[in-house]
């Protein structure tokens, strides 16, 4: 189970199916340009591949906030339904946790939809705790 860091347009394309499962509002035609823009602002994407397809993906960035200092924020974590239960998401989370340790960060953060119970179970099993609510206002 090798973790691949996406660097090329082909890597980004491989990740589309898993990303679109988590982010169904995205349009396929706009996805490559959006990802390139995100990469230019520090977003990184890693994935696990089976049969030349990214079956599990994690997107993250290094950030600094006043309330918790330098940390890694996980934007996206998604595994294709047929590949769930094989430990792929756990391995990707471990990868990001290790990156944070190597950088001497004290925290890794993420937001998760209230309805994503299976994801919450994974996060809590990895030691994540719920610390608050995330608010947004659509304009």
N, C-alpha and C. Protein backbone atom coordinates (compact mmCIF):
# COMPACT_ATOMS: atom_id res chain seq x y z
N UNK A 1 0.85 -1.17 0.00
CA UNK A 1 0.00 0.00 0.00
C UNK A 1 0.90 1.24 0.00
N UNK A 2 1.20 1.76 -1.17
CA UNK A 2 2.12 2.88 -1.32
C UNK A 2 1.33 4.18 -1.41
N UNK A 3 1.80 5.20 -0.70
CA UNK A 3 1.20 6.53 -0.77
C UNK A 3 1.93 7.32 -1.84
N UNK A 4 1.15 7.90 -2.74
CA UNK A 4 1.69 8.69 -3.85
C UNK A 4 1.31 10.14 -3.62
N UNK A 5 2.27 11.03 -3.79
CA UNK A 5 2.02 12.46 -3.69
C UNK A 5 1.70 12.96 -5.09
N UNK A 6 0.53 13.55 -5.26
CA UNK A 6 0.11 14.03 -6.58
C UNK A 6 0.97 15.22 -6.98
N UNK A 7 1.51 15.15 -8.19
CA UNK A 7 2.35 16.22 -8.71
C UNK A 7 1.98 16.59 -10.14
N UNK A 8 1.49 15.64 -10.89
CA UNK A 8 1.24 15.85 -12.32
C UNK A 8 -0.26 15.96 -12.61
N UNK A 9 -0.59 16.49 -13.79
CA UNK A 9 -2.00 16.51 -14.19
C UNK A 9 -2.62 15.10 -14.21
N UNK A 10 -1.81 14.10 -14.54
CA UNK A 10 -2.31 12.72 -14.54
C UNK A 10 -2.67 12.27 -13.12
N UNK A 11 -1.84 12.64 -12.15
CA UNK A 11 -2.13 12.31 -10.75
C UNK A 11 -3.43 12.97 -10.31
N UNK A 12 -3.57 14.23 -10.65
CA UNK A 12 -4.80 14.96 -10.30
C UNK A 12 -6.00 14.29 -10.93
N UNK A 13 -5.88 13.91 -12.18
CA UNK A 13 -6.98 13.25 -12.88
C UNK A 13 -7.36 11.92 -12.23
N UNK A 14 -6.36 11.16 -11.79
CA UNK A 14 -6.63 9.88 -11.12
C UNK A 14 -7.48 10.07 -9.87
N UNK A 15 -7.31 11.19 -9.21
CA UNK A 15 -8.00 11.44 -7.94
C UNK A 15 -9.44 11.93 -8.12
N UNK A 16 -9.83 12.25 -9.33
CA UNK A 16 -11.15 12.86 -9.56
C UNK A 16 -12.30 12.05 -8.96
N UNK A 17 -12.35 10.77 -9.21
CA UNK A 17 -13.49 9.97 -8.76
C UNK A 17 -13.65 10.01 -7.24
N UNK A 18 -12.56 9.85 -6.51
CA UNK A 18 -12.63 9.87 -5.05
C UNK A 18 -12.95 11.28 -4.53
N UNK A 19 -12.37 12.30 -5.14
CA UNK A 19 -12.67 13.68 -4.74
C UNK A 19 -14.14 13.99 -5.01
N UNK A 20 -14.62 13.62 -6.18
CA UNK A 20 -16.01 13.97 -6.54
C UNK A 20 -17.03 13.23 -5.68
N UNK A 21 -16.64 12.11 -5.12
CA UNK A 21 -17.53 11.41 -4.19
C UNK A 21 -17.75 12.25 -2.93
N UNK A 22 -16.69 12.88 -2.46
CA UNK A 22 -16.77 13.74 -1.28
C UNK A 22 -17.31 15.12 -1.63
N UNK A 23 -16.99 15.60 -2.81
CA UNK A 23 -17.35 16.96 -3.24
C UNK A 23 -18.19 16.91 -4.53
N UNK A 24 -19.42 16.40 -4.43
CA UNK A 24 -20.23 16.22 -5.65
C UNK A 24 -20.63 17.52 -6.35
N UNK A 25 -20.47 18.65 -5.69
CA UNK A 25 -20.80 19.93 -6.31
C UNK A 25 -19.77 20.37 -7.35
N UNK A 26 -18.59 19.75 -7.34
CA UNK A 26 -17.54 20.13 -8.29
C UNK A 26 -17.90 19.67 -9.69
N UNK A 27 -17.50 20.47 -10.67
CA UNK A 27 -17.71 20.11 -12.07
C UNK A 27 -16.42 19.57 -12.65
N UNK A 28 -16.53 18.48 -13.36
CA UNK A 28 -15.36 17.78 -13.90
C UNK A 28 -14.47 18.69 -14.74
N UNK A 29 -15.10 19.55 -15.54
CA UNK A 29 -14.34 20.40 -16.45
C UNK A 29 -13.50 21.42 -15.69
N UNK A 30 -13.96 21.87 -14.55
CA UNK A 30 -13.26 22.90 -13.78
C UNK A 30 -12.25 22.31 -12.79
N UNK A 31 -12.36 21.04 -12.51
CA UNK A 31 -11.55 20.38 -11.49
C UNK A 31 -10.03 20.53 -11.70
N UNK A 32 -9.47 20.26 -12.89
CA UNK A 32 -8.00 20.37 -13.03
C UNK A 32 -7.48 21.78 -12.73
N UNK A 33 -8.15 22.80 -13.24
CA UNK A 33 -7.71 24.17 -13.00
C UNK A 33 -7.85 24.53 -11.53
N UNK A 34 -8.95 24.14 -10.90
CA UNK A 34 -9.14 24.39 -9.47
C UNK A 34 -8.03 23.75 -8.65
N UNK A 35 -7.69 22.51 -8.97
CA UNK A 35 -6.63 21.83 -8.23
C UNK A 35 -5.28 22.52 -8.43
N UNK A 36 -4.97 22.96 -9.64
CA UNK A 36 -3.71 23.66 -9.87
C UNK A 36 -3.66 24.96 -9.07
N UNK A 37 -4.80 25.67 -9.00
CA UNK A 37 -4.85 26.90 -8.19
C UNK A 37 -4.63 26.58 -6.72
N UNK A 38 -5.25 25.50 -6.25
CA UNK A 38 -5.08 25.11 -4.85
C UNK A 38 -3.65 24.69 -4.57
N UNK A 39 -3.04 23.96 -5.48
CA UNK A 39 -1.64 23.57 -5.31
C UNK A 39 -0.75 24.81 -5.18
N UNK A 40 -1.04 25.85 -5.96
CA UNK A 40 -0.22 27.06 -5.92
C UNK A 40 -0.36 27.81 -4.60
N UNK A 41 -1.42 27.51 -3.84
CA UNK A 41 -1.59 28.16 -2.53
C UNK A 41 -1.26 27.20 -1.38
N UNK A 42 -0.59 26.09 -1.68
CA UNK A 42 -0.09 25.21 -0.63
C UNK A 42 -0.84 23.92 -0.41
N UNK A 43 -1.94 23.70 -1.12
CA UNK A 43 -2.69 22.45 -0.99
C UNK A 43 -1.83 21.30 -1.51
N UNK A 44 -1.87 20.18 -0.82
CA UNK A 44 -1.17 18.99 -1.27
C UNK A 44 -2.15 17.83 -1.31
N UNK A 45 -1.93 16.90 -2.19
CA UNK A 45 -2.83 15.77 -2.37
C UNK A 45 -2.00 14.49 -2.39
N UNK A 46 -2.42 13.54 -1.59
CA UNK A 46 -1.77 12.22 -1.58
C UNK A 46 -2.86 11.18 -1.82
N UNK A 47 -2.46 10.06 -2.37
CA UNK A 47 -3.46 9.02 -2.64
C UNK A 47 -2.84 7.63 -2.62
N UNK A 48 -3.74 6.66 -2.51
CA UNK A 48 -3.38 5.25 -2.62
C UNK A 48 -4.05 4.74 -3.87
N UNK A 49 -3.28 4.01 -4.64
CA UNK A 49 -3.72 3.58 -5.96
C UNK A 49 -3.93 2.07 -6.01
N UNK A 50 -4.96 1.70 -6.74
CA UNK A 50 -5.17 0.29 -7.11
C UNK A 50 -5.59 0.28 -8.56
N UNK A 51 -4.91 -0.52 -9.35
CA UNK A 51 -5.27 -0.63 -10.76
C UNK A 51 -5.25 0.69 -11.50
N UNK A 52 -4.23 1.50 -11.28
CA UNK A 52 -4.07 2.79 -11.94
C UNK A 52 -5.20 3.78 -11.62
N UNK A 53 -5.84 3.60 -10.46
CA UNK A 53 -6.90 4.49 -10.01
C UNK A 53 -6.64 4.87 -8.57
N UNK A 54 -6.80 6.14 -8.26
CA UNK A 54 -6.67 6.60 -6.87
C UNK A 54 -7.94 6.19 -6.14
N UNK A 55 -7.83 5.23 -5.23
CA UNK A 55 -9.01 4.70 -4.54
C UNK A 55 -9.26 5.39 -3.20
N UNK A 56 -8.25 6.07 -2.68
CA UNK A 56 -8.39 6.82 -1.44
C UNK A 56 -7.48 8.03 -1.54
N UNK A 57 -8.00 9.21 -1.16
CA UNK A 57 -7.25 10.46 -1.30
C UNK A 57 -7.31 11.27 -0.02
N UNK A 58 -6.27 12.07 0.19
CA UNK A 58 -6.27 13.02 1.29
C UNK A 58 -5.66 14.32 0.77
N UNK A 59 -6.36 15.41 1.01
CA UNK A 59 -5.87 16.74 0.64
C UNK A 59 -5.64 17.54 1.90
N UNK A 60 -4.53 18.24 1.97
CA UNK A 60 -4.16 18.93 3.20
C UNK A 60 -3.28 20.13 2.89
N UNK A 61 -3.13 20.99 3.89
CA UNK A 61 -2.25 22.16 3.76
C UNK A 61 -1.64 22.51 5.10
N UNK A 62 -0.49 23.14 5.06
CA UNK A 62 0.18 23.63 6.27
C UNK A 62 -0.33 25.05 6.51
N UNK A 63 -0.82 25.30 7.71
CA UNK A 63 -1.38 26.60 8.06
C UNK A 63 -0.86 27.06 9.41
N UNK A 64 -1.12 28.32 9.70
CA UNK A 64 -0.82 28.85 11.03
C UNK A 64 -1.99 29.71 11.46
N UNK A 65 -2.51 29.42 12.65
CA UNK A 65 -3.61 30.18 13.24
C UNK A 65 -3.15 30.67 14.60
N UNK A 66 -3.73 31.76 15.06
CA UNK A 66 -3.40 32.27 16.39
C UNK A 66 -3.78 31.28 17.48
N UNK A 67 -4.91 30.59 17.33
CA UNK A 67 -5.38 29.74 18.43
C UNK A 67 -4.67 28.41 18.55
N UNK A 68 -4.02 27.91 17.50
CA UNK A 68 -3.33 26.63 17.65
C UNK A 68 -1.98 26.57 16.93
N UNK A 69 -1.48 27.69 16.48
CA UNK A 69 -0.16 27.72 15.88
C UNK A 69 -0.07 27.04 14.53
N UNK A 70 1.15 26.63 14.21
CA UNK A 70 1.38 25.94 12.93
C UNK A 70 0.82 24.53 13.01
N UNK A 71 0.10 24.14 11.97
CA UNK A 71 -0.56 22.84 11.97
C UNK A 71 -0.84 22.41 10.54
N UNK A 72 -1.25 21.17 10.39
CA UNK A 72 -1.75 20.70 9.10
C UNK A 72 -3.26 20.64 9.21
N UNK A 73 -3.92 21.22 8.21
CA UNK A 73 -5.37 21.16 8.11
C UNK A 73 -5.72 20.19 6.99
N UNK A 74 -6.55 19.22 7.30
CA UNK A 74 -7.00 18.25 6.30
C UNK A 74 -8.28 18.78 5.67
N UNK A 75 -8.20 19.08 4.38
CA UNK A 75 -9.36 19.57 3.63
C UNK A 75 -10.27 18.43 3.20
N UNK A 76 -9.65 17.35 2.72
CA UNK A 76 -10.39 16.28 2.06
C UNK A 76 -9.83 14.93 2.44
N UNK A 77 -10.71 13.99 2.69
CA UNK A 77 -10.33 12.59 2.88
C UNK A 77 -11.48 11.75 2.36
N UNK A 78 -11.21 10.96 1.35
CA UNK A 78 -12.29 10.22 0.69
C UNK A 78 -11.76 8.89 0.15
N UNK A 79 -12.57 7.87 0.30
CA UNK A 79 -12.25 6.55 -0.23
C UNK A 79 -13.43 6.06 -1.05
N UNK A 80 -13.15 5.54 -2.23
CA UNK A 80 -14.23 4.98 -3.05
C UNK A 80 -14.95 3.88 -2.27
N UNK A 81 -16.26 3.82 -2.42
CA UNK A 81 -17.07 2.92 -1.60
C UNK A 81 -16.61 1.47 -1.70
N UNK A 82 -16.24 1.01 -2.87
CA UNK A 82 -15.83 -0.39 -3.05
C UNK A 82 -14.52 -0.72 -2.35
N UNK A 83 -13.78 0.30 -1.92
CA UNK A 83 -12.47 0.09 -1.31
C UNK A 83 -12.44 0.44 0.18
N UNK A 84 -13.59 0.75 0.74
CA UNK A 84 -13.65 1.09 2.16
C UNK A 84 -13.45 -0.16 3.01
N UNK A 85 -12.95 0.05 4.21
CA UNK A 85 -12.72 -1.06 5.14
C UNK A 85 -11.39 -1.76 4.93
N UNK A 86 -10.55 -1.24 4.06
CA UNK A 86 -9.24 -1.85 3.79
C UNK A 86 -8.10 -1.10 4.46
N UNK A 87 -8.42 -0.05 5.23
CA UNK A 87 -7.39 0.68 5.95
C UNK A 87 -6.72 1.80 5.17
N UNK A 88 -7.24 2.12 3.99
CA UNK A 88 -6.61 3.15 3.16
C UNK A 88 -6.69 4.52 3.81
N UNK A 89 -7.87 4.93 4.27
CA UNK A 89 -8.02 6.25 4.89
C UNK A 89 -7.15 6.34 6.15
N UNK A 90 -7.10 5.28 6.90
CA UNK A 90 -6.28 5.24 8.11
C UNK A 90 -4.80 5.44 7.75
N UNK A 91 -4.35 4.79 6.71
CA UNK A 91 -2.96 4.93 6.29
C UNK A 91 -2.67 6.36 5.83
N UNK A 92 -3.60 6.97 5.11
CA UNK A 92 -3.41 8.34 4.67
C UNK A 92 -3.40 9.31 5.86
N UNK A 93 -4.28 9.08 6.82
CA UNK A 93 -4.27 9.90 8.04
C UNK A 93 -2.93 9.76 8.77
N UNK A 94 -2.46 8.53 8.89
CA UNK A 94 -1.16 8.31 9.54
C UNK A 94 -0.04 9.05 8.82
N UNK A 95 -0.12 9.08 7.50
CA UNK A 95 0.88 9.80 6.69
C UNK A 95 0.90 11.28 7.07
N UNK A 96 -0.27 11.90 7.15
CA UNK A 96 -0.35 13.32 7.49
C UNK A 96 0.07 13.56 8.93
N UNK A 97 -0.33 12.69 9.84
CA UNK A 97 0.09 12.82 11.24
C UNK A 97 1.61 12.75 11.35
N UNK A 98 2.23 11.87 10.59
CA UNK A 98 3.68 11.75 10.59
C UNK A 98 4.34 13.01 10.03
N UNK A 99 3.78 13.57 8.95
CA UNK A 99 4.31 14.82 8.41
C UNK A 99 4.28 15.92 9.46
N UNK A 100 3.17 16.00 10.20
CA UNK A 100 3.04 17.02 11.24
C UNK A 100 4.09 16.81 12.33
N UNK A 101 4.30 15.58 12.74
CA UNK A 101 5.33 15.29 13.76
C UNK A 101 6.71 15.70 13.27
N UNK A 102 7.02 15.40 12.01
CA UNK A 102 8.32 15.75 11.45
C UNK A 102 8.54 17.25 11.41
N UNK A 103 7.46 18.02 11.31
CA UNK A 103 7.53 19.48 11.30
C UNK A 103 7.46 20.08 12.71
N UNK A 104 7.38 19.20 13.71
CA UNK A 104 7.22 19.61 15.11
C UNK A 104 5.94 20.40 15.35
N UNK A 105 4.89 20.09 14.59
CA UNK A 105 3.58 20.69 14.82
C UNK A 105 2.95 19.98 15.99
N UNK A 106 2.10 20.68 16.69
CA UNK A 106 1.44 20.10 17.84
C UNK A 106 0.01 19.64 17.54
N UNK A 107 -0.50 19.95 16.36
CA UNK A 107 -1.88 19.63 16.08
C UNK A 107 -2.12 19.41 14.58
N UNK A 108 -3.07 18.54 14.29
CA UNK A 108 -3.62 18.35 12.95
C UNK A 108 -5.12 18.58 13.10
N UNK A 109 -5.70 19.36 12.21
CA UNK A 109 -7.12 19.70 12.33
C UNK A 109 -7.87 19.32 11.06
N UNK A 110 -9.18 19.21 11.20
CA UNK A 110 -10.07 18.97 10.07
C UNK A 110 -11.49 19.33 10.48
N UNK A 111 -12.33 19.53 9.50
CA UNK A 111 -13.76 19.67 9.70
C UNK A 111 -14.42 18.48 9.04
N UNK A 112 -15.56 18.06 9.58
CA UNK A 112 -16.26 16.91 9.01
C UNK A 112 -17.76 17.15 9.09
N UNK A 113 -18.45 16.82 8.02
CA UNK A 113 -19.90 16.98 7.99
C UNK A 113 -20.57 16.20 9.12
N UNK A 114 -21.61 16.78 9.68
CA UNK A 114 -22.31 16.17 10.83
C UNK A 114 -22.83 14.78 10.52
N UNK A 115 -23.13 14.49 9.28
CA UNK A 115 -23.73 13.21 8.88
C UNK A 115 -22.70 12.12 8.57
N UNK A 116 -21.43 12.39 8.66
CA UNK A 116 -20.38 11.45 8.26
C UNK A 116 -19.92 10.60 9.44
N UNK A 117 -20.80 9.77 9.95
CA UNK A 117 -20.55 9.00 11.17
C UNK A 117 -19.36 8.05 11.05
N UNK A 118 -19.24 7.37 9.91
CA UNK A 118 -18.11 6.45 9.74
C UNK A 118 -16.78 7.21 9.79
N UNK A 119 -16.75 8.39 9.17
CA UNK A 119 -15.53 9.21 9.21
C UNK A 119 -15.24 9.65 10.64
N UNK A 120 -16.28 10.03 11.37
CA UNK A 120 -16.08 10.46 12.76
C UNK A 120 -15.48 9.33 13.60
N UNK A 121 -15.96 8.13 13.38
CA UNK A 121 -15.44 6.98 14.13
C UNK A 121 -13.95 6.81 13.84
N UNK A 122 -13.55 6.93 12.59
CA UNK A 122 -12.13 6.83 12.23
C UNK A 122 -11.33 7.93 12.91
N UNK A 123 -11.81 9.17 12.84
CA UNK A 123 -11.07 10.28 13.45
C UNK A 123 -10.91 10.07 14.95
N UNK A 124 -11.97 9.67 15.61
CA UNK A 124 -11.89 9.47 17.06
C UNK A 124 -10.97 8.30 17.40
N UNK A 125 -10.99 7.25 16.58
CA UNK A 125 -10.07 6.14 16.80
C UNK A 125 -8.61 6.57 16.63
N UNK A 126 -8.38 7.62 15.86
CA UNK A 126 -7.03 8.15 15.65
C UNK A 126 -6.67 9.20 16.70
N UNK A 127 -7.59 9.48 17.63
CA UNK A 127 -7.28 10.42 18.70
C UNK A 127 -7.76 11.84 18.48
N UNK A 128 -8.47 12.09 17.39
CA UNK A 128 -9.05 13.42 17.18
C UNK A 128 -10.20 13.61 18.16
N UNK A 129 -10.40 14.84 18.58
CA UNK A 129 -11.52 15.18 19.46
C UNK A 129 -12.33 16.31 18.84
N UNK A 130 -13.61 16.34 19.15
CA UNK A 130 -14.48 17.42 18.68
C UNK A 130 -14.30 18.60 19.62
N UNK A 131 -13.84 19.72 19.07
CA UNK A 131 -13.55 20.87 19.90
C UNK A 131 -14.51 22.03 19.70
N UNK A 132 -15.36 21.97 18.73
CA UNK A 132 -16.26 23.10 18.50
C UNK A 132 -17.10 22.89 17.27
N UNK A 133 -17.75 23.94 16.88
CA UNK A 133 -18.59 23.94 15.68
C UNK A 133 -17.90 24.78 14.61
N UNK A 134 -18.14 24.44 13.38
CA UNK A 134 -17.67 25.24 12.27
C UNK A 134 -18.88 25.97 11.71
N UNK A 135 -18.82 27.29 11.66
CA UNK A 135 -19.92 28.09 11.14
C UNK A 135 -19.56 28.66 9.78
N UNK A 136 -20.55 28.79 8.92
CA UNK A 136 -20.35 29.46 7.65
C UNK A 136 -21.64 30.19 7.28
N UNK A 137 -21.52 31.17 6.45
CA UNK A 137 -22.67 31.92 5.97
C UNK A 137 -22.52 32.08 4.47
N UNK A 138 -23.47 31.57 3.74
CA UNK A 138 -23.45 31.68 2.28
C UNK A 138 -23.83 33.09 1.87
N UNK A 139 -23.10 33.66 0.95
CA UNK A 139 -23.36 35.02 0.48
C UNK A 139 -23.84 35.02 -0.94
